[in-house]
Amino acid sequence: MCGLFTDAVTYDDVHISFTQEEWVLLNPSQKSLYKDLLLGTYRNLTAIVYRWEDHNIEEHCKSSRRHRR
């Protein structure tokens, strides 16, 4: 499981930011799509953090590395 984090995607990789001027130019469906995607990204990130903390993945990865040496 620890090997999955070698090519991790960061929030900055998927985040899109609009200026006020750009936001005004979007039509309502584009704004709605943006909000839906933003909420989906937020839910995914919070789910990952929850699983990370709940299953103590960080400690598992550290102990796995110790046993490989």
N, C-alpha and C. Protein backbone atom coordinates (compact mmCIF):
# COMPACT_ATOMS: atom_id res chain seq x y z
N MET A 1 0.81 -1.19 0.00
CA MET A 1 0.00 0.00 0.00
C MET A 1 0.86 1.26 0.00
N CYS A 2 2.01 1.22 0.61
CA CYS A 2 2.87 2.40 0.69
C CYS A 2 3.36 2.84 -0.67
N GLY A 3 3.53 1.91 -1.60
CA GLY A 3 4.01 2.23 -2.93
C GLY A 3 3.04 3.08 -3.72
N LEU A 4 1.81 3.15 -3.29
CA LEU A 4 0.81 3.94 -4.00
C LEU A 4 1.09 5.43 -3.91
N PHE A 5 1.87 5.85 -2.96
CA PHE A 5 2.10 7.27 -2.73
C PHE A 5 3.29 7.82 -3.50
N THR A 6 3.91 7.03 -4.36
CA THR A 6 5.09 7.52 -5.07
C THR A 6 4.74 8.59 -6.08
N ASP A 7 3.59 8.51 -6.73
CA ASP A 7 3.17 9.50 -7.71
C ASP A 7 1.90 10.19 -7.23
N ALA A 8 1.90 10.63 -6.00
CA ALA A 8 0.71 11.23 -5.40
C ALA A 8 0.34 12.53 -6.10
N VAL A 9 -0.93 12.78 -6.17
CA VAL A 9 -1.47 14.01 -6.74
C VAL A 9 -1.71 14.98 -5.59
N THR A 10 -1.30 16.20 -5.76
CA THR A 10 -1.51 17.20 -4.72
C THR A 10 -2.75 18.03 -5.03
N TYR A 11 -3.21 18.75 -4.05
CA TYR A 11 -4.36 19.63 -4.24
C TYR A 11 -4.07 20.65 -5.34
N ASP A 12 -2.84 21.16 -5.37
CA ASP A 12 -2.47 22.14 -6.39
C ASP A 12 -2.53 21.56 -7.80
N ASP A 13 -2.37 20.24 -7.92
CA ASP A 13 -2.46 19.59 -9.23
C ASP A 13 -3.88 19.63 -9.79
N VAL A 14 -4.87 19.65 -8.93
CA VAL A 14 -6.26 19.57 -9.39
C VAL A 14 -7.06 20.84 -9.13
N HIS A 15 -6.51 21.78 -8.39
CA HIS A 15 -7.23 22.99 -8.03
C HIS A 15 -7.26 23.98 -9.19
N ILE A 16 -8.42 24.56 -9.42
CA ILE A 16 -8.58 25.61 -10.43
C ILE A 16 -9.09 26.84 -9.71
N SER A 17 -8.46 27.95 -9.96
CA SER A 17 -8.84 29.20 -9.30
C SER A 17 -9.23 30.22 -10.36
N PHE A 18 -10.32 30.93 -10.10
CA PHE A 18 -10.78 31.97 -11.01
C PHE A 18 -10.64 33.33 -10.33
N THR A 19 -10.27 34.33 -11.11
CA THR A 19 -10.31 35.70 -10.62
C THR A 19 -11.77 36.16 -10.65
N GLN A 20 -12.06 37.27 -10.00
CA GLN A 20 -13.42 37.82 -10.03
C GLN A 20 -13.85 38.11 -11.47
N GLU A 21 -12.92 38.63 -12.26
CA GLU A 21 -13.23 38.95 -13.65
C GLU A 21 -13.56 37.69 -14.45
N GLU A 22 -12.82 36.61 -14.22
CA GLU A 22 -13.08 35.35 -14.92
C GLU A 22 -14.40 34.73 -14.45
N TRP A 23 -14.66 34.80 -13.15
CA TRP A 23 -15.89 34.20 -12.60
C TRP A 23 -17.13 34.85 -13.21
N VAL A 24 -17.10 36.15 -13.40
CA VAL A 24 -18.24 36.87 -13.98
C VAL A 24 -18.53 36.38 -15.40
N LEU A 25 -17.51 35.97 -16.12
CA LEU A 25 -17.68 35.53 -17.51
C LEU A 25 -18.27 34.12 -17.63
N LEU A 26 -18.26 33.35 -16.55
CA LEU A 26 -18.80 31.99 -16.60
C LEU A 26 -20.33 32.02 -16.61
N ASN A 27 -20.92 31.09 -17.38
CA ASN A 27 -22.38 31.00 -17.36
C ASN A 27 -22.80 30.14 -16.16
N PRO A 28 -24.07 30.15 -15.80
CA PRO A 28 -24.52 29.42 -14.60
C PRO A 28 -24.17 27.93 -14.60
N SER A 29 -24.23 27.26 -15.75
CA SER A 29 -23.89 25.83 -15.77
C SER A 29 -22.40 25.61 -15.52
N GLN A 30 -21.55 26.52 -15.99
CA GLN A 30 -20.11 26.41 -15.73
C GLN A 30 -19.81 26.63 -14.25
N LYS A 31 -20.50 27.58 -13.64
CA LYS A 31 -20.32 27.83 -12.21
C LYS A 31 -20.79 26.63 -11.40
N SER A 32 -21.90 26.04 -11.81
CA SER A 32 -22.43 24.86 -11.12
C SER A 32 -21.46 23.68 -11.24
N LEU A 33 -20.91 23.48 -12.44
CA LEU A 33 -19.94 22.40 -12.65
C LEU A 33 -18.72 22.62 -11.76
N TYR A 34 -18.22 23.85 -11.72
CA TYR A 34 -17.07 24.16 -10.88
C TYR A 34 -17.35 23.83 -9.42
N LYS A 35 -18.51 24.25 -8.93
CA LYS A 35 -18.86 23.99 -7.54
C LYS A 35 -18.99 22.49 -7.26
N ASP A 36 -19.59 21.74 -8.20
CA ASP A 36 -19.72 20.29 -8.04
C ASP A 36 -18.35 19.62 -7.99
N LEU A 37 -17.45 20.04 -8.88
CA LEU A 37 -16.10 19.46 -8.90
C LEU A 37 -15.32 19.82 -7.64
N LEU A 38 -15.48 21.04 -7.19
CA LEU A 38 -14.80 21.48 -5.97
C LEU A 38 -15.28 20.67 -4.77
N LEU A 39 -16.59 20.47 -4.67
CA LEU A 39 -17.13 19.67 -3.56
C LEU A 39 -16.68 18.22 -3.66
N GLY A 40 -16.64 17.67 -4.87
CA GLY A 40 -16.17 16.29 -5.05
C GLY A 40 -14.73 16.13 -4.63
N THR A 41 -13.89 17.09 -5.02
CA THR A 41 -12.48 17.05 -4.63
C THR A 41 -12.34 17.15 -3.12
N TYR A 42 -13.11 18.03 -2.50
CA TYR A 42 -13.08 18.17 -1.05
C TYR A 42 -13.49 16.87 -0.36
N ARG A 43 -14.56 16.26 -0.84
CA ARG A 43 -15.02 15.00 -0.24
C ARG A 43 -13.96 13.91 -0.37
N ASN A 44 -13.33 13.83 -1.54
CA ASN A 44 -12.29 12.82 -1.74
C ASN A 44 -11.11 13.05 -0.81
N LEU A 45 -10.69 14.29 -0.68
CA LEU A 45 -9.55 14.59 0.21
C LEU A 45 -9.89 14.30 1.66
N THR A 46 -11.08 14.65 2.10
CA THR A 46 -11.44 14.37 3.49
C THR A 46 -11.58 12.87 3.73
N ALA A 47 -12.05 12.13 2.73
CA ALA A 47 -12.15 10.68 2.87
C ALA A 47 -10.77 10.05 3.00
N ILE A 48 -9.81 10.55 2.23
CA ILE A 48 -8.44 10.03 2.30
C ILE A 48 -7.85 10.31 3.67
N VAL A 49 -8.02 11.52 4.17
CA VAL A 49 -7.49 11.87 5.49
C VAL A 49 -8.13 10.99 6.56
N TYR A 50 -9.43 10.78 6.46
CA TYR A 50 -10.14 9.96 7.44
C TYR A 50 -9.58 8.54 7.43
N ARG A 51 -9.41 7.97 6.26
CA ARG A 51 -8.88 6.60 6.17
C ARG A 51 -7.45 6.55 6.68
N TRP A 52 -6.66 7.57 6.35
CA TRP A 52 -5.26 7.62 6.80
C TRP A 52 -5.20 7.60 8.32
N GLU A 53 -6.01 8.43 8.96
CA GLU A 53 -5.99 8.50 10.42
C GLU A 53 -6.65 7.28 11.05
N ASP A 54 -7.75 6.82 10.46
CA ASP A 54 -8.52 5.72 11.03
C ASP A 54 -7.74 4.41 11.00
N HIS A 55 -7.01 4.17 9.96
CA HIS A 55 -6.32 2.89 9.81
C HIS A 55 -4.83 2.96 10.15
N ASN A 56 -4.39 4.12 10.63
CA ASN A 56 -3.00 4.28 11.05
C ASN A 56 -2.04 3.87 9.93
N ILE A 57 -2.34 4.31 8.72
CA ILE A 57 -1.55 3.93 7.55
C ILE A 57 -0.12 4.42 7.66
N GLU A 58 0.07 5.63 8.18
CA GLU A 58 1.42 6.18 8.29
C GLU A 58 2.31 5.27 9.13
N GLU A 59 1.84 4.82 10.27
CA GLU A 59 2.62 3.94 11.13
C GLU A 59 2.86 2.59 10.45
N HIS A 60 1.86 2.10 9.74
CA HIS A 60 2.01 0.84 9.01
C HIS A 60 3.12 0.95 7.96
N CYS A 61 3.16 2.06 7.24
CA CYS A 61 4.19 2.27 6.23
C CYS A 61 5.57 2.34 6.86
N LYS A 62 5.68 3.04 7.99
CA LYS A 62 6.97 3.14 8.66
C LYS A 62 7.45 1.78 9.12
N SER A 63 6.57 0.97 9.70
CA SER A 63 6.99 -0.35 10.18
C SER A 63 7.30 -1.27 9.01
N SER A 64 6.61 -1.12 7.89
CA SER A 64 6.89 -1.95 6.71
C SER A 64 8.28 -1.65 6.19
N ARG A 65 8.67 -0.38 6.20
CA ARG A 65 10.01 -0.01 5.73
C ARG A 65 11.08 -0.60 6.64
N ARG A 66 10.82 -0.63 7.94
CA ARG A 66 11.79 -1.19 8.88
C ARG A 66 12.01 -2.67 8.62
N HIS A 67 10.96 -3.39 8.29
CA HIS A 67 11.07 -4.83 8.08
C HIS A 67 11.73 -5.18 6.76
N ARG A 68 11.72 -4.27 5.79
CA ARG A 68 12.34 -4.55 4.49
C ARG A 68 13.85 -4.46 4.54
N ARG A 69 14.40 -3.78 5.50
CA ARG A 69 15.86 -3.56 5.55
C ARG A 69 16.60 -4.77 6.01
